[in-house]
Each structure stands twice: as C-alpha cells, then as structure tokens.
Amino acid sequence: MTTDERDTLAQETTETPAAATTNRKQPFPAGFLESISTGWAERPESLPPQRAEAPYAAARRATVSAAFPGARLVIPAGSFKQRSNDTDYPFRAHSAFSHLTGWGADAVPDSVLVFEPTDRGHEITLHLRERADRTTTEFYADATIGEFWIGPRPSLDGVAADLGLRTAHIDDFTSTDHDLVVDDDDTLTRFVSELRLVKDPYEIAQLRLAVEATGRGFDDIVAELPRIIDTPRGERAIEGVFHLRARTDGNGEGYDTIAASGPHACYLHWTRNDGAVVPGDLVLIDAGVEVDSLYTADITRTLPVSGTFSPVQRRIYETVREAADAAFAVARPGVRFRAVHEAAMEVIAARTAEWGLLPVTAEEALDADRGGQHRRYMVHGTSHHLGIDVHDCAQARREMYYDGELEPGMVFTIEPGLYFQIDDLTVPEEYRGIGVRIEDDILMTEDGPVNLSADIPRTADEIEAWIARARS
C-alpha cells in the first residue's frame, strides 16, 4: 500500500458526516492501515452444488414471467430494519423474493430480483452486493456488511451456482418509472401471493420438517413444566425453551411465540409472556419453528399445568376438539375454504347454546345476517393458509382465498377456540379466565386432508398422558 493510499484509507475510516458521528468511532493508526490489507492466505472458491429448491424456484419464475409479458418486474429482498440506534433486527428477506429465488435464511440484504423483458419472455437476474476485497475499507470498517464484523458474504459466482440464477452486482441495477415492484404494484403483489396457494413437493417437504421440529419443541416444554412452574415468569420460560429448539433445529420461530397461562389465554395474540404458570390453570402455547428455507409451522396446544384437566376445563377443551374434528371432516378437494370455518362454528354455536350462554338458539346464532352471538367466545377465523409466511397468501383475492375451493397441495391451519374473559359476566364464574385453542397444520391431498401435526397429542386424554410420561 502506497503512502497516498494509506492516507486515503485513514481519511475514509475516520471522517464521517456530522449526522453520523458517534463517540464510539476511533481513528485507525498508521500501523493498522499499513498491515490490514496484507498477510491473508489465498481463498480459492469452489462453487457449491445447486440447491434442491432451485428447479422449483425456476418453475415459479417461469409462471410469473408468462403472466407479465413485456413488463419489467422488480422483486426486492428488502433491507435491514433498525431495532435501536445502530442495532438492527435479524434480516429476513421478503417472502416473494425468497419464493422466487429459493434463497431462504442465507439471503443477502438489499438484493433485487429483476425480470427484464425480452422478445422471448424475460431475462432474469439476481443483483446482489459482491463481497468486498480485503484491500477496501468495507472489509474491516463497515459494521453492517463488513466481513470482519459479520463474516464473509457469498460471491456472485457462488450464488449463481447455488440458485441456478444469473447474477450481477447490485451497482448494475437501475430502477425505472415503469417497473412493476412487489408491494408497490397491486397486480404483481396479488399474483405472487396467489402463486403460493398450492404448494409444490419441495414446499410440502419443508413444511413437514417445520412441523416435526415444532413437535420436538412442544415435547421440550412438557418435559420442562416443573421448572417452568417454579419460574416467576413461567410464560417467558416456555418461550425460551421453545426458542432453543427453534434455533437448534431451524432458523428460528416463524412468529412470536404465544405462551399464555390462565386468563392470558383469552388474549388471542398474547406475546408479552410475562406471567406465572400456575398449577390449576391452563396454558395455551401457540408456536412454530421456521426452518432455514423460511417455511414455518403454526401449532397450538393447551395444557393443564397440573397435568390433569378439571371437569370444566375438560368440557371446554373437548368442545374445541370437537369443533376442530368437524372442520377437518368437511375439508375435501372442491369444498369452499370458508366451509371449514362454518363447520367449526356449528359446533361452537351448538355447545355454547347448550350451556345456556347465548340469548338465542344455535340456529339463530348461525344466521348470516342477524346471528353471531356465539362469536363473542371465538372472534377469530378457523383457518388460514400456511407456508413461507405464517399467514401465507394474504394478498390473494377473496375469491381465491376465503371463497376459493380447496385443492391438493394446499396447506392450511384448523384452529378453533373458546375464550371466556376473566370479567365476562355472560358466562358462569367457573368458566371465566379459561381460554382453549387447538391448532393443527393440514395438507390437502387428492384423497382428502392429512393432519401433519397429528403426532402431537391433542385429545384431553392424550394431553394428560403426555404430561404424565414426562414427569415419570
């Protein structure tokens, strides 16, 4: 390194704009600048084999290309998002980007997938930031992307071989006023969302892996129940036990874990998880492992903390299971997706009316215009599509989603519940503070539905035996 080059490096690494100054930055001394770029072993790169998902991602890109002839399509991966000051949240690429590239947990921030129109369709290029040479300041001075800080990034050639995609440097990407960009263009956003409604064999295999890992996470929680009970914030201990499994067997959680004990189980998205787990109460755990491909499970089990359901708890629990089983029974290819929810609601309406909780009959409660009284105790839907997002295909049209027909290859949840708030005066006191949900992940096949999470205990008797085995 020449003196001029060293002086330039010194200036680059010590001078920052006023708005970006921080008292944590220190100037690099001359000796460091003279030595940092030298003395490194050669790093020959052997290209990786093409990943298993690459042919499936190529087929997805071909479908998108055929749907938008002549249009320039831009699908960004997204950037880091600030958590606080100079700390970012863990990066997760945009779901459409991952689905169309096959790049999951190892995707590089600020990459862009571009469909350039040609006479024969599209030339498709993945633009990403090439890793920095060790003679550059980025190598050691950039805490966001520098190799000294976060480890080596993949090369353009390596990514091209891995994904089976043409690659180019991000500096070669330019946007135009006529680009169709995911999340900016409704038509493109809707199309790539609906493309995920029916899963291909690779996606189904990944979802099976996610469900299996999640099952192990629930086993871990049951095994740790005595310690969880002894922890003042036992809900947070549940969250921690599951997090260990999610990070060990996958990329992490597909969504924030719900660990809701006692009355907290009546709050549908309770993620504060700061309460005690007390014998005599139920604890509702809604959790899913996201594997490295970013496909996630979404499973809920409700456990009696003491190991045994009380008669009232069992009555409520088995009613929710009855609703889930009714929803599963009606799910068949060609059936409207909304029919799954309607079947569960028939059970919820019938039982809450039978218990004297409704001011009308079950039939009146189910009236589409004047009913709904039973929904006080279950305000959420029974099912949603599942995949690379926990609530997958969310931008699909209603006629393709809620009013669409079930098809082989679709994966969705069945998750009825009953929730009796602690201060709900419309229910007997013995019901108050009890919340139950049972959620399974369902694959539709030509022969009917398959419960991917059936091996995780789900009946009241199975739940009690599960806890008893762990304690013995």
Protein backbone atom coordinates (compact mmCIF):
# COMPACT_ATOMS: atom_id res chain seq x y z
CA MET A 1 0.00 0.00 0.00
CA THR A 2 1.41 3.38 -1.00
CA THR A 3 1.54 6.37 1.32
CA ASP A 4 -1.21 8.11 -0.68
CA GLU A 5 -3.45 5.04 -0.50
CA ARG A 6 -2.83 4.76 3.24
CA ASP A 7 -3.70 8.41 3.76
CA THR A 8 -6.89 7.96 1.74
CA LEU A 9 -7.90 4.97 3.86
CA ALA A 10 -7.22 6.90 7.03
CA GLN A 11 -9.44 9.73 5.86
CA GLU A 12 -12.22 7.35 4.73
CA THR A 13 -12.31 5.48 8.02
CA THR A 14 -12.09 8.40 10.42
CA GLU A 15 -14.19 11.09 8.73
CA THR A 16 -17.96 10.69 8.78
CA PRO A 17 -20.81 13.12 8.10
CA ALA A 18 -21.90 15.17 11.09
CA ALA A 19 -25.24 13.39 11.30
CA ALA A 20 -23.50 10.02 11.52
CA THR A 21 -20.82 10.89 14.07
CA THR A 22 -20.53 8.82 17.21
CA ASN A 23 -18.13 8.85 20.13
CA ARG A 24 -17.68 5.09 19.65
CA LYS A 25 -15.69 5.54 16.42
CA GLN A 26 -11.94 5.73 16.85
CA PRO A 27 -9.32 6.60 14.20
CA PHE A 28 -7.20 3.73 12.86
CA PRO A 29 -3.45 4.26 13.45
CA ALA A 30 -1.00 4.11 10.57
CA GLY A 31 0.38 0.71 11.51
CA PHE A 32 -3.06 -0.84 11.28
CA LEU A 33 -3.71 0.75 7.90
CA GLU A 34 -0.39 -0.47 6.57
CA SER A 35 -0.94 -4.08 7.63
CA ILE A 36 -4.69 -4.77 7.46
CA SER A 37 -4.77 -5.49 3.72
CA THR A 38 -1.86 -7.88 3.63
CA GLY A 39 -0.87 -11.22 5.09
CA TRP A 40 -4.05 -13.11 4.19
CA ALA A 41 -3.99 -16.61 2.75
CA GLU A 42 -5.40 -17.21 -0.70
CA ARG A 43 -9.08 -18.03 -0.58
CA PRO A 44 -9.89 -20.13 -3.65
CA GLU A 45 -13.59 -20.66 -4.04
CA SER A 46 -15.17 -23.95 -5.02
CA LEU A 47 -18.67 -23.43 -6.36
CA PRO A 48 -21.46 -25.04 -4.33
CA PRO A 49 -23.81 -27.60 -5.86
CA GLN A 50 -27.20 -26.32 -6.91
CA ARG A 51 -29.64 -26.45 -4.03
CA ALA A 52 -32.66 -28.77 -4.12
CA GLU A 53 -35.16 -25.92 -4.33
CA ALA A 54 -33.60 -24.36 -7.45
CA PRO A 55 -35.71 -26.21 -10.07
CA TYR A 56 -38.91 -25.40 -8.17
CA ALA A 57 -37.96 -21.72 -7.89
CA ALA A 58 -37.19 -21.69 -11.62
CA ALA A 59 -40.66 -23.05 -12.36
CA ARG A 60 -42.21 -20.35 -10.19
CA ARG A 61 -40.25 -17.65 -12.03
CA ALA A 62 -41.41 -19.08 -15.37
CA THR A 63 -45.03 -18.81 -14.22
CA VAL A 64 -44.53 -15.17 -13.22
CA SER A 65 -42.77 -14.39 -16.49
CA ALA A 66 -45.60 -15.85 -18.54
CA ALA A 67 -48.16 -13.79 -16.62
CA PHE A 68 -46.45 -10.43 -17.26
CA PRO A 69 -45.20 -10.36 -20.87
CA GLY A 70 -43.34 -7.18 -21.76
CA ALA A 71 -43.26 -5.85 -18.19
CA ARG A 72 -40.12 -5.17 -16.17
CA LEU A 73 -40.62 -6.82 -12.77
CA VAL A 74 -38.63 -5.96 -9.65
CA ILE A 75 -38.75 -8.09 -6.50
CA PRO A 76 -36.52 -6.64 -3.74
CA ALA A 77 -35.24 -8.74 -0.85
CA GLY A 78 -35.55 -5.77 1.49
CA SER A 79 -33.07 -4.15 3.83
CA PHE A 80 -32.09 -4.33 7.46
CA LYS A 81 -34.62 -2.69 9.78
CA GLN A 82 -33.42 -0.66 12.73
CA ARG A 83 -34.16 -2.01 16.19
CA SER A 84 -32.45 0.75 18.15
CA ASN A 85 -29.64 3.18 17.45
CA ASP A 86 -27.06 1.15 15.46
CA THR A 87 -28.69 -2.23 16.15
CA ASP A 88 -30.85 -3.96 13.54
CA TYR A 89 -33.44 -6.69 13.70
CA PRO A 90 -32.31 -10.04 12.24
CA PHE A 91 -32.75 -9.84 8.47
CA ARG A 92 -35.46 -11.86 6.77
CA ALA A 93 -35.94 -11.50 3.04
CA HIS A 94 -39.32 -10.60 1.54
CA SER A 95 -41.36 -13.77 1.14
CA ALA A 96 -41.95 -13.25 -2.60
CA PHE A 97 -38.21 -12.77 -3.12
CA SER A 98 -37.37 -15.97 -1.24
CA HIS A 99 -40.12 -17.92 -3.00
CA LEU A 100 -38.91 -16.88 -6.46
CA THR A 101 -35.17 -17.27 -5.81
CA GLY A 102 -35.10 -20.23 -3.43
CA TRP A 103 -32.90 -18.12 -1.14
CA GLY A 104 -34.00 -18.54 2.48
CA ALA A 105 -32.22 -17.69 5.72
CA ASP A 106 -28.94 -17.08 3.91
CA ALA A 107 -30.31 -14.36 1.57
CA VAL A 108 -28.26 -11.16 1.37
CA PRO A 109 -29.97 -7.87 2.31
CA ASP A 110 -30.58 -5.28 -0.41
CA SER A 111 -30.54 -7.88 -3.19
CA VAL A 112 -33.02 -7.45 -6.06
CA LEU A 113 -34.51 -9.99 -8.47
CA VAL A 114 -35.18 -8.39 -11.85
CA PHE A 115 -37.26 -9.73 -14.75
CA GLU A 116 -36.03 -7.85 -17.83
CA PRO A 117 -38.49 -8.22 -20.76
CA THR A 118 -37.16 -9.73 -24.00
CA ASP A 119 -38.68 -11.00 -27.22
CA ARG A 120 -38.78 -14.49 -25.71
CA GLY A 121 -40.08 -13.65 -22.24
CA HIS A 122 -37.69 -12.31 -19.62
CA GLU A 123 -34.01 -12.34 -18.81
CA ILE A 124 -33.94 -12.84 -15.06
CA THR A 125 -31.04 -11.56 -12.97
CA LEU A 126 -30.37 -11.57 -9.26
CA HIS A 127 -28.48 -8.42 -8.27
CA LEU A 128 -26.57 -8.55 -5.00
CA ARG A 129 -23.62 -6.89 -3.32
CA GLU A 130 -20.41 -8.75 -4.09
CA ARG A 131 -18.25 -9.34 -1.04
CA ALA A 132 -15.59 -6.73 -0.50
CA ASP A 133 -11.96 -7.26 -1.34
CA ARG A 134 -9.70 -7.16 1.71
CA THR A 135 -7.99 -4.04 0.39
CA THR A 136 -11.18 -1.99 0.86
CA THR A 137 -12.34 -0.16 3.97
CA GLU A 138 -15.63 -2.07 3.87
CA PHE A 139 -13.77 -5.23 4.86
CA TYR A 140 -12.92 -4.01 8.35
CA ALA A 141 -14.72 -0.68 8.88
CA ASP A 142 -18.35 -1.35 7.90
CA ALA A 143 -20.13 -2.98 10.85
CA THR A 144 -23.25 -3.69 8.79
CA ILE A 145 -21.77 -5.62 5.89
CA GLY A 146 -18.01 -5.84 6.51
CA GLU A 147 -16.54 -9.34 6.67
CA PHE A 148 -14.57 -8.58 9.84
CA TRP A 149 -17.90 -7.92 11.56
CA ILE A 150 -20.45 -10.36 10.14
CA GLY A 151 -18.37 -12.96 8.30
CA PRO A 152 -17.88 -13.48 4.56
CA ARG A 153 -20.71 -12.85 2.15
CA PRO A 154 -21.21 -15.14 -0.84
CA SER A 155 -19.71 -14.30 -4.21
CA LEU A 156 -21.69 -13.64 -7.37
CA ASP A 157 -20.44 -16.87 -8.92
CA GLY A 158 -21.22 -18.85 -5.79
CA VAL A 159 -24.80 -17.57 -5.63
CA ALA A 160 -25.30 -18.22 -9.34
CA ALA A 161 -24.23 -21.84 -8.93
CA ASP A 162 -26.22 -22.28 -5.71
CA LEU A 163 -29.52 -20.91 -7.01
CA GLY A 164 -29.19 -21.64 -10.72
CA LEU A 165 -29.66 -17.95 -11.47
CA ARG A 166 -27.82 -15.30 -13.46
CA THR A 167 -26.22 -12.85 -11.02
CA ALA A 168 -24.85 -9.31 -11.27
CA HIS A 169 -23.55 -6.69 -8.88
CA ILE A 170 -26.17 -4.55 -7.17
CA ASP A 171 -24.41 -1.47 -8.55
CA ASP A 172 -25.51 -2.58 -12.02
CA PHE A 173 -29.19 -2.38 -11.05
CA THR A 174 -31.15 0.70 -12.04
CA SER A 175 -34.84 1.30 -11.49
CA THR A 176 -37.22 2.90 -13.97
CA ASP A 177 -40.52 4.71 -13.68
CA HIS A 178 -42.29 1.81 -15.42
CA ASP A 179 -41.12 -1.01 -13.13
CA LEU A 180 -43.73 -3.26 -11.53
CA VAL A 181 -42.46 -3.67 -7.97
CA VAL A 182 -43.78 -6.07 -5.36
CA ASP A 183 -45.67 -4.20 -2.61
CA ASP A 184 -45.96 -1.17 -4.90
CA ASP A 185 -47.95 -2.78 -7.69
CA ASP A 186 -51.19 -4.47 -6.61
CA THR A 187 -51.39 -6.77 -9.62
CA LEU A 188 -47.89 -8.21 -9.18
CA THR A 189 -48.23 -8.42 -5.40
CA ARG A 190 -51.52 -10.29 -5.70
CA PHE A 191 -50.15 -12.67 -8.33
CA VAL A 192 -47.05 -13.73 -6.38
CA SER A 193 -49.23 -14.21 -3.30
CA GLU A 194 -51.74 -16.40 -5.13
CA LEU A 195 -48.86 -18.36 -6.66
CA ARG A 196 -48.25 -19.80 -3.18
CA LEU A 197 -51.79 -21.07 -2.62
CA VAL A 198 -50.85 -24.54 -3.92
CA LYS A 199 -47.54 -25.84 -2.62
CA ASP A 200 -45.08 -27.83 -4.72
CA PRO A 201 -43.40 -31.01 -3.39
CA TYR A 202 -40.38 -29.10 -2.07
CA GLU A 203 -42.57 -26.73 -0.07
CA ILE A 204 -44.60 -29.59 1.39
CA ALA A 205 -41.43 -31.38 2.47
CA GLN A 206 -40.18 -28.21 4.17
CA LEU A 207 -43.46 -27.75 6.00
CA ARG A 208 -43.26 -31.34 7.23
CA LEU A 209 -39.78 -30.60 8.60
CA ALA A 210 -41.08 -27.47 10.32
CA VAL A 211 -43.95 -29.41 11.93
CA GLU A 212 -41.62 -32.16 13.12
CA ALA A 213 -39.25 -29.64 14.72
CA THR A 214 -42.20 -27.86 16.33
CA GLY A 215 -43.38 -31.16 17.79
CA ARG A 216 -39.98 -31.58 19.42
CA GLY A 217 -40.31 -28.05 20.78
CA PHE A 218 -43.62 -28.93 22.44
CA ASP A 219 -42.04 -32.08 23.90
CA ASP A 220 -39.31 -29.89 25.37
CA ILE A 221 -41.90 -27.62 27.00
CA VAL A 222 -43.80 -30.53 28.54
CA ALA A 223 -40.55 -32.01 29.86
CA GLU A 224 -39.62 -28.66 31.43
CA LEU A 225 -43.01 -27.95 33.03
CA PRO A 226 -41.78 -28.42 36.65
CA ARG A 227 -39.01 -25.87 36.11
CA ILE A 228 -41.39 -23.58 34.23
CA ILE A 229 -43.83 -23.66 37.15
CA ASP A 230 -41.02 -22.72 39.54
CA THR A 231 -40.02 -19.72 37.40
CA PRO A 232 -41.73 -16.44 38.40
CA ARG A 233 -42.27 -15.55 34.76
CA GLY A 234 -43.01 -19.05 33.60
CA GLU A 235 -44.55 -17.89 30.34
CA ARG A 236 -41.19 -16.45 29.39
CA ALA A 237 -39.51 -19.71 30.34
CA ILE A 238 -41.80 -21.51 27.89
CA GLU A 239 -40.83 -19.02 25.23
CA GLY A 240 -37.15 -19.63 25.98
CA VAL A 241 -37.43 -23.42 25.90
CA PHE A 242 -39.13 -23.28 22.52
CA HIS A 243 -36.64 -20.72 21.20
CA LEU A 244 -33.76 -23.09 21.94
CA ARG A 245 -35.41 -25.79 19.84
CA ALA A 246 -36.30 -23.35 17.06
CA ARG A 247 -32.73 -22.11 16.78
CA THR A 248 -31.23 -25.59 17.14
CA ASP A 249 -33.44 -27.32 14.58
CA GLY A 250 -34.32 -24.40 12.33
CA ASN A 251 -33.77 -20.75 11.58
CA GLY A 252 -35.91 -19.56 14.49
CA GLU A 253 -39.58 -19.01 15.20
CA GLY A 254 -41.96 -18.28 12.36
CA TYR A 255 -43.72 -15.71 14.58
CA ASP A 256 -43.60 -14.52 18.17
CA THR A 257 -44.43 -17.40 20.50
CA ILE A 258 -47.68 -17.12 22.42
CA ALA A 259 -47.25 -18.59 25.91
CA ALA A 260 -50.49 -17.63 27.62
CA SER A 261 -51.29 -19.06 31.05
CA GLY A 262 -54.53 -18.69 32.97
CA PRO A 263 -56.59 -15.63 31.92
CA HIS A 264 -53.86 -14.59 29.47
CA ALA A 265 -55.03 -17.45 27.23
CA CYS A 266 -58.13 -15.38 26.46
CA TYR A 267 -55.99 -12.76 24.68
CA LEU A 268 -55.62 -14.16 21.19
CA HIS A 269 -52.15 -12.78 20.43
CA TRP A 270 -50.66 -12.63 23.92
CA THR A 271 -46.91 -12.33 23.30
CA ARG A 272 -45.91 -10.33 26.37
CA ASN A 273 -45.31 -13.67 28.06
CA ASP A 274 -44.54 -12.26 31.48
CA GLY A 275 -46.97 -14.19 33.66
CA ALA A 276 -46.60 -17.11 36.03
CA VAL A 277 -47.59 -20.64 35.03
CA VAL A 278 -49.72 -21.82 37.95
CA PRO A 279 -50.95 -25.36 38.69
CA GLY A 280 -54.72 -25.50 38.29
CA ASP A 281 -54.66 -23.18 35.27
CA LEU A 282 -54.42 -24.00 31.60
CA VAL A 283 -51.53 -22.73 29.48
CA LEU A 284 -52.11 -22.05 25.78
CA ILE A 285 -48.97 -22.33 23.65
CA ASP A 286 -49.08 -21.18 20.02
CA ALA A 287 -45.66 -21.68 18.43
CA GLY A 288 -43.98 -22.69 15.19
CA VAL A 289 -40.44 -23.44 14.08
CA GLU A 290 -39.30 -21.72 10.89
CA VAL A 291 -36.76 -23.87 9.04
CA ASP A 292 -33.86 -22.45 7.04
CA SER A 293 -35.95 -22.27 3.87
CA LEU A 294 -38.26 -19.91 5.84
CA TYR A 295 -41.26 -22.27 5.79
CA THR A 296 -42.95 -22.35 9.17
CA ALA A 297 -45.27 -24.49 11.22
CA ASP A 298 -48.12 -22.96 13.24
CA ILE A 299 -49.37 -25.20 16.04
CA THR A 300 -51.30 -24.62 19.26
CA ARG A 301 -51.75 -26.92 22.21
CA THR A 302 -53.47 -26.10 25.51
CA LEU A 303 -52.10 -27.91 28.55
CA PRO A 304 -53.35 -28.34 32.13
CA VAL A 305 -50.45 -27.06 34.19
CA SER A 306 -51.13 -29.55 36.99
CA GLY A 307 -51.23 -32.41 34.49
CA THR A 308 -54.97 -33.02 34.74
CA PHE A 309 -57.96 -31.12 33.36
CA SER A 310 -60.68 -30.10 35.78
CA PRO A 311 -64.20 -31.17 34.69
CA VAL A 312 -65.00 -27.67 33.37
CA GLN A 313 -61.64 -27.35 31.61
CA ARG A 314 -62.12 -30.78 30.01
CA ARG A 315 -65.63 -29.87 28.85
CA ILE A 316 -64.39 -26.73 27.15
CA TYR A 317 -61.29 -28.41 25.76
CA GLU A 318 -63.16 -31.34 24.24
CA THR A 319 -65.69 -28.97 22.69
CA VAL A 320 -62.87 -27.16 20.92
CA ARG A 321 -61.53 -30.52 19.75
CA GLU A 322 -64.99 -31.47 18.53
CA ALA A 323 -65.08 -28.25 16.50
CA ALA A 324 -61.63 -28.98 15.07
CA ASP A 325 -62.62 -32.51 14.13
CA ALA A 326 -65.79 -31.24 12.45
CA ALA A 327 -63.76 -28.76 10.41
CA PHE A 328 -61.31 -31.49 9.41
CA ALA A 329 -64.15 -33.81 8.38
CA VAL A 330 -65.67 -31.31 5.97
CA ALA A 331 -62.35 -30.41 4.29
CA ARG A 332 -62.14 -32.09 0.87
CA PRO A 333 -60.91 -31.10 -2.60
CA GLY A 334 -63.53 -28.91 -4.24
CA VAL A 335 -65.03 -27.72 -0.94
CA ARG A 336 -65.06 -23.96 -0.34
CA PHE A 337 -62.36 -22.87 2.07
CA ARG A 338 -64.92 -21.00 4.15
CA ALA A 339 -66.79 -24.29 4.78
CA VAL A 340 -64.01 -25.32 7.18
CA HIS A 341 -64.78 -22.35 9.40
CA GLU A 342 -68.53 -22.83 9.07
CA ALA A 343 -68.28 -26.45 10.27
CA ALA A 344 -66.34 -25.42 13.36
CA MET A 345 -68.81 -22.61 14.09
CA GLU A 346 -71.74 -25.01 14.04
CA VAL A 347 -70.18 -26.90 16.94
CA ILE A 348 -69.27 -23.73 18.86
CA ALA A 349 -72.80 -22.37 18.45
CA ALA A 350 -74.41 -25.65 19.46
CA ARG A 351 -72.36 -26.11 22.62
CA THR A 352 -72.49 -22.51 23.85
CA ALA A 353 -76.26 -22.57 23.35
CA GLU A 354 -76.48 -25.90 25.17
CA TRP A 355 -74.57 -24.40 28.10
CA GLY A 356 -77.06 -21.52 28.29
CA LEU A 357 -74.55 -18.86 27.24
CA LEU A 358 -76.48 -17.49 24.26
CA PRO A 359 -79.60 -15.29 24.28
CA VAL A 360 -80.79 -17.13 21.14
CA THR A 361 -80.84 -20.67 19.78
CA ALA A 362 -77.85 -22.15 17.99
CA GLU A 363 -79.74 -21.92 14.70
CA GLU A 364 -80.46 -18.23 15.25
CA ALA A 365 -76.84 -17.61 16.21
CA LEU A 366 -75.71 -19.12 12.91
CA ASP A 367 -77.92 -16.79 10.85
CA ALA A 368 -75.63 -14.91 8.48
CA ASP A 369 -77.36 -11.56 8.96
CA ARG A 370 -78.75 -11.45 12.49
CA GLY A 371 -76.67 -14.08 14.26
CA GLY A 372 -73.11 -14.29 15.52
CA GLN A 373 -73.81 -14.26 19.25
CA HIS A 374 -71.55 -17.29 19.73
CA ARG A 375 -68.66 -15.40 18.12
CA ARG A 376 -68.25 -13.47 21.38
CA TYR A 377 -66.36 -16.55 22.58
CA MET A 378 -64.40 -17.13 19.35
CA VAL A 379 -63.83 -13.97 17.38
CA HIS A 380 -61.13 -15.27 15.04
CA GLY A 381 -61.33 -17.41 11.93
CA THR A 382 -60.77 -21.14 11.97
CA SER A 383 -58.25 -21.43 9.16
CA HIS A 384 -55.57 -19.63 7.19
CA HIS A 385 -53.10 -20.72 4.55
CA LEU A 386 -49.64 -21.65 5.77
CA GLY A 387 -46.24 -21.67 4.08
CA ILE A 388 -43.31 -19.30 3.78
CA ASP A 389 -45.46 -16.88 5.80
CA VAL A 390 -47.39 -17.99 8.84
CA HIS A 391 -50.43 -16.25 7.32
CA ASP A 392 -49.49 -17.16 3.80
CA CYS A 393 -51.01 -15.81 0.59
CA ALA A 394 -52.50 -12.88 2.49
CA GLN A 395 -52.71 -10.63 -0.59
CA ALA A 396 -54.72 -13.16 -2.59
CA ARG A 397 -58.16 -12.16 -3.80
CA ARG A 398 -61.11 -13.18 -1.65
CA GLU A 399 -62.47 -15.36 -4.43
CA MET A 400 -59.18 -17.25 -4.47
CA TYR A 401 -58.78 -17.45 -0.70
CA TYR A 402 -61.81 -17.43 1.59
CA ASP A 403 -64.27 -18.16 -1.20
CA GLY A 404 -61.86 -20.37 -3.15
CA GLU A 405 -62.02 -24.14 -3.43
CA LEU A 406 -59.63 -26.44 -1.59
CA GLU A 407 -57.10 -28.10 -3.89
CA PRO A 408 -54.49 -30.82 -3.45
CA GLY A 409 -51.24 -29.17 -2.37
CA MET A 410 -52.85 -26.51 -0.21
CA VAL A 411 -51.60 -26.30 3.37
CA PHE A 412 -53.70 -24.54 5.99
CA THR A 413 -54.47 -24.47 9.69
CA ILE A 414 -57.52 -25.64 11.58
CA GLU A 415 -57.62 -23.74 14.86
CA PRO A 416 -60.95 -23.27 16.65
CA GLY A 417 -61.01 -21.98 20.19
CA LEU A 418 -63.15 -20.85 23.10
CA TYR A 419 -62.17 -17.86 25.21
CA PHE A 420 -64.01 -16.76 28.33
CA GLN A 421 -62.57 -13.49 29.55
CA ILE A 422 -61.92 -13.15 33.28
CA ASP A 423 -64.51 -10.35 33.57
CA ASP A 424 -67.16 -11.74 31.19
CA LEU A 425 -70.43 -11.65 33.13
CA THR A 426 -72.30 -13.56 30.42
CA VAL A 427 -70.70 -16.85 31.48
CA PRO A 428 -70.70 -18.75 34.79
CA GLU A 429 -67.87 -17.84 37.13
CA GLU A 430 -66.29 -21.27 36.73
CA TYR A 431 -65.77 -20.57 33.01
CA ARG A 432 -64.13 -17.18 33.45
CA GLY A 433 -60.43 -16.96 32.74
CA ILE A 434 -60.34 -20.15 30.65
CA GLY A 435 -59.00 -19.97 27.10
CA VAL A 436 -58.52 -23.00 24.87
CA ARG A 437 -57.25 -23.32 21.32
CA ILE A 438 -56.21 -26.40 19.36
CA GLU A 439 -54.38 -25.75 16.11
CA ASP A 440 -53.13 -28.26 13.55
CA ASP A 441 -51.44 -27.91 10.17
CA ILE A 442 -53.36 -29.62 7.37
CA LEU A 443 -52.18 -30.77 3.94
CA MET A 444 -54.88 -31.29 1.33
CA THR A 445 -54.28 -34.29 -0.93
CA GLU A 446 -56.32 -35.85 -3.72
CA ASP A 447 -57.64 -38.33 -1.15
CA GLY A 448 -58.55 -35.72 1.43
CA PRO A 449 -56.89 -33.86 4.32
CA VAL A 450 -53.81 -35.06 6.18
CA ASN A 451 -53.06 -33.68 9.64
CA LEU A 452 -49.32 -33.01 9.54
CA SER A 453 -49.25 -32.37 13.29
CA ALA A 454 -51.34 -35.40 14.33
CA ASP A 455 -48.41 -36.92 16.22
CA ILE A 456 -48.50 -34.08 18.75
CA PRO A 457 -51.00 -35.16 21.45
CA ARG A 458 -54.31 -33.35 21.02
CA THR A 459 -57.16 -35.10 22.87
CA ALA A 460 -57.63 -34.39 26.58
CA ASP A 461 -56.63 -37.96 27.46
CA GLU A 462 -53.55 -37.81 25.23
CA ILE A 463 -52.51 -34.48 26.75
CA GLU A 464 -52.75 -35.83 30.30
CA ALA A 465 -50.80 -38.98 29.37
CA TRP A 466 -48.15 -36.84 27.65
CA ILE A 467 -47.54 -34.78 30.79
CA ALA A 468 -47.60 -37.91 33.00
CA ARG A 469 -44.93 -39.60 30.85
CA ALA A 470 -42.70 -36.55 31.07
CA ARG A 471 -43.00 -36.43 34.86
CA SER A 472 -42.24 -40.12 35.29
